[in-house]
Structures are given as C-alpha cells and as structure tokens.
Protein backbone atom coordinates (compact mmCIF):
# COMPACT_ATOMS: atom_id res chain seq x y z
CA MET A 1 150.48 76.83 47.88
CA ALA A 2 152.04 77.28 51.18
CA GLY A 3 152.40 80.88 52.49
CA GLU A 4 149.80 82.37 50.28
CA PRO A 5 146.68 83.77 52.00
CA GLN A 6 143.44 81.89 51.70
CA PHE A 7 140.28 83.86 51.10
CA THR A 8 136.70 82.42 51.40
CA ILE A 9 133.64 83.92 49.68
CA GLY A 10 131.21 84.68 52.41
CA ALA A 11 133.84 85.07 55.16
CA ARG A 12 133.17 87.90 57.65
CA ALA A 13 135.44 90.85 57.36
CA SER A 14 136.37 93.22 60.24
CA CYS A 15 138.02 96.61 60.40
CA THR A 16 140.15 97.59 63.40
CA ASP A 17 137.04 99.04 65.04
CA GLY A 18 134.42 96.47 64.18
CA HIS A 19 132.59 94.31 61.63
CA CYS A 20 132.36 95.89 58.19
CA GLY A 21 130.90 93.18 55.85
CA GLU A 22 131.46 89.89 53.95
CA VAL A 23 133.76 88.84 51.21
CA ARG A 24 131.67 88.68 47.95
CA ARG A 25 134.34 88.39 45.17
CA LEU A 26 137.97 88.09 44.54
CA ILE A 27 139.78 90.24 41.93
CA ILE A 28 142.53 88.30 40.16
CA ASP A 29 145.32 89.59 38.04
CA PRO A 30 145.27 87.17 35.11
CA ALA A 31 148.93 87.89 34.22
CA THR A 32 150.23 86.87 37.62
CA GLU A 33 147.26 84.73 38.71
CA THR A 34 147.32 86.48 42.16
CA VAL A 35 144.48 88.08 44.09
CA THR A 36 144.84 91.84 44.00
CA HIS A 37 141.69 93.00 45.70
CA LEU A 38 138.70 91.58 47.65
CA VAL A 39 135.18 92.92 47.20
CA ILE A 40 133.68 93.36 50.60
CA GLN A 41 129.89 93.95 50.83
CA PRO A 42 128.99 96.21 53.69
CA GLY A 43 126.96 94.49 56.28
CA HIS A 44 125.41 97.60 57.79
CA ARG A 45 123.56 98.83 54.74
CA GLN A 46 122.63 97.90 51.15
CA GLU A 47 125.06 99.46 48.70
CA ALA A 48 127.89 98.45 46.29
CA GLY A 49 130.72 96.40 47.74
CA ARG A 50 134.06 98.07 48.45
CA LEU A 51 137.13 97.34 46.52
CA VAL A 52 139.80 96.48 49.14
CA PRO A 53 143.42 96.02 48.09
CA VAL A 54 145.12 92.91 49.52
CA HIS A 55 147.76 94.98 51.22
CA LEU A 56 145.04 96.01 53.64
CA VAL A 57 144.07 92.40 54.40
CA GLU A 58 145.18 89.96 57.07
CA THR A 59 143.77 86.39 57.24
CA THR A 60 143.67 84.48 60.58
CA ASP A 61 141.83 81.23 61.01
CA GLY A 62 139.46 82.01 58.13
CA GLU A 63 138.80 85.45 59.43
CA ILE A 64 139.37 88.50 57.30
CA ARG A 65 140.84 91.52 59.17
CA LEU A 66 141.34 94.86 57.43
CA ARG A 67 144.11 97.29 58.42
CA CYS A 68 141.74 100.30 58.40
CA THR A 69 138.90 101.74 60.39
CA ARG A 70 135.26 101.53 59.24
CA ALA A 71 135.35 105.22 58.32
CA GLU A 72 138.44 104.53 56.06
CA PHE A 73 136.66 101.32 54.68
CA ASP A 74 133.59 103.58 53.67
CA MET A 75 135.98 105.77 51.66
CA LEU A 76 137.32 102.98 49.55
CA ASP A 77 136.24 102.75 45.88
CA HIS A 78 132.91 101.10 45.16
CA ALA A 79 133.35 97.83 43.25
CA ALA A 80 131.76 97.82 39.83
CA GLU A 81 131.21 94.82 37.51
CA ARG A 82 131.97 95.39 33.82
CA ASP A 83 132.01 93.06 30.88
CA LEU A 84 134.67 93.52 28.18
CA VAL A 85 134.30 92.28 24.76
CA ALA A 86 137.42 91.82 22.48
CA GLY A 87 137.06 92.42 18.82
CA ALA A 88 138.97 93.97 15.92
CA GLU A 89 139.30 97.14 18.02
CA SER A 90 140.49 97.27 21.65
CA PRO A 91 138.10 95.86 24.14
CA GLN A 92 134.90 97.84 24.83
CA ILE A 93 132.93 98.15 27.97
CA VAL A 94 129.55 96.69 27.21
CA GLY A 95 127.73 96.67 30.55
CA SER A 96 127.95 97.63 34.13
CA ARG A 97 126.31 96.75 37.39
CA GLY A 98 126.66 98.38 40.74
CA MET A 99 128.15 101.65 39.44
CA THR A 100 127.80 104.91 41.17
CA GLY A 101 127.81 108.44 39.64
CA PRO A 102 127.17 109.17 35.98
CA ARG A 103 126.90 106.07 33.87
CA PRO A 104 129.57 105.72 31.16
CA ARG A 105 128.48 105.37 27.54
CA TRP A 106 129.55 102.14 25.97
CA ARG A 107 129.14 100.07 22.80
CA ASP A 108 126.85 96.98 22.55
CA ARG A 109 128.33 93.56 21.70
CA ALA A 110 127.62 93.97 17.98
CA GLY A 111 129.70 97.20 17.91
CA ALA A 112 126.77 99.47 17.18
CA GLY A 113 125.93 102.55 19.20
CA LEU A 114 128.56 105.16 19.88
CA PRO A 115 130.73 106.92 17.44
CA ARG A 116 134.31 105.86 17.42
CA GLN A 117 136.73 107.85 19.62
CA PRO A 118 139.36 109.90 17.83
CA GLY A 119 142.32 107.92 16.81
CA ARG A 120 140.52 104.55 16.52
C-alpha cells in the first residue's frame, strides 16, 4: 500500500549518533494489521534485541533510522518471545526465550503445573 513504511528483516538500523543493529522481527497488531514495533538486534554485542516503537522509526531507501541516540536505544525494553496457548481459560504464557530478569512461572500446554490464580 502506498504511503506505508516498508521494513526489511536484516536491514541495518542507525541511531542519530551511529549504527545500532539490524532488524530481526516485526511486531504486528493483529486487530489493525499494522506494524507497532521493530525488534532491533544490537550489532555491538550479543544480547536480546530491543523493542523499538514505530514512532521512533524513519525509513529512507531501505535504511532504518531511529529518532534516538545509541544511549537511548540501549534503554529501550528488551524483546522477549512468548508463546500463548488459548484454551477454556484465558491464554497462558507457556514459554519464553530471550527474557531478562527473574523468569516468570507459567503453565505447560496441557494445563498442568501452577495452581490457578485467584478468580479463575
């Protein structure tokens, strides 16, 4: 569609003060079918990608430019991958990769494991 930004997986991303990484994933809102965030993998060290809201992103000739410095980029949330499984109850987090901090407790796909939360 004309006028909508085009994002390419693997495209180089730069902050206002230099290179910050590469586009690894797109986060899409299924209700509106629009890209809400880019996951940028830092190029200067091995760690989880950063979750970059599209309002910080400009695209020019296939290049991704962020409206932030590298220091501000480093302060953005780490991207985490989670699997949700729908069932009789509300969806449950069943797995996570690339998370930082204490790991959450979650139920397995069969529903075994944790006690139910109050009110469920």
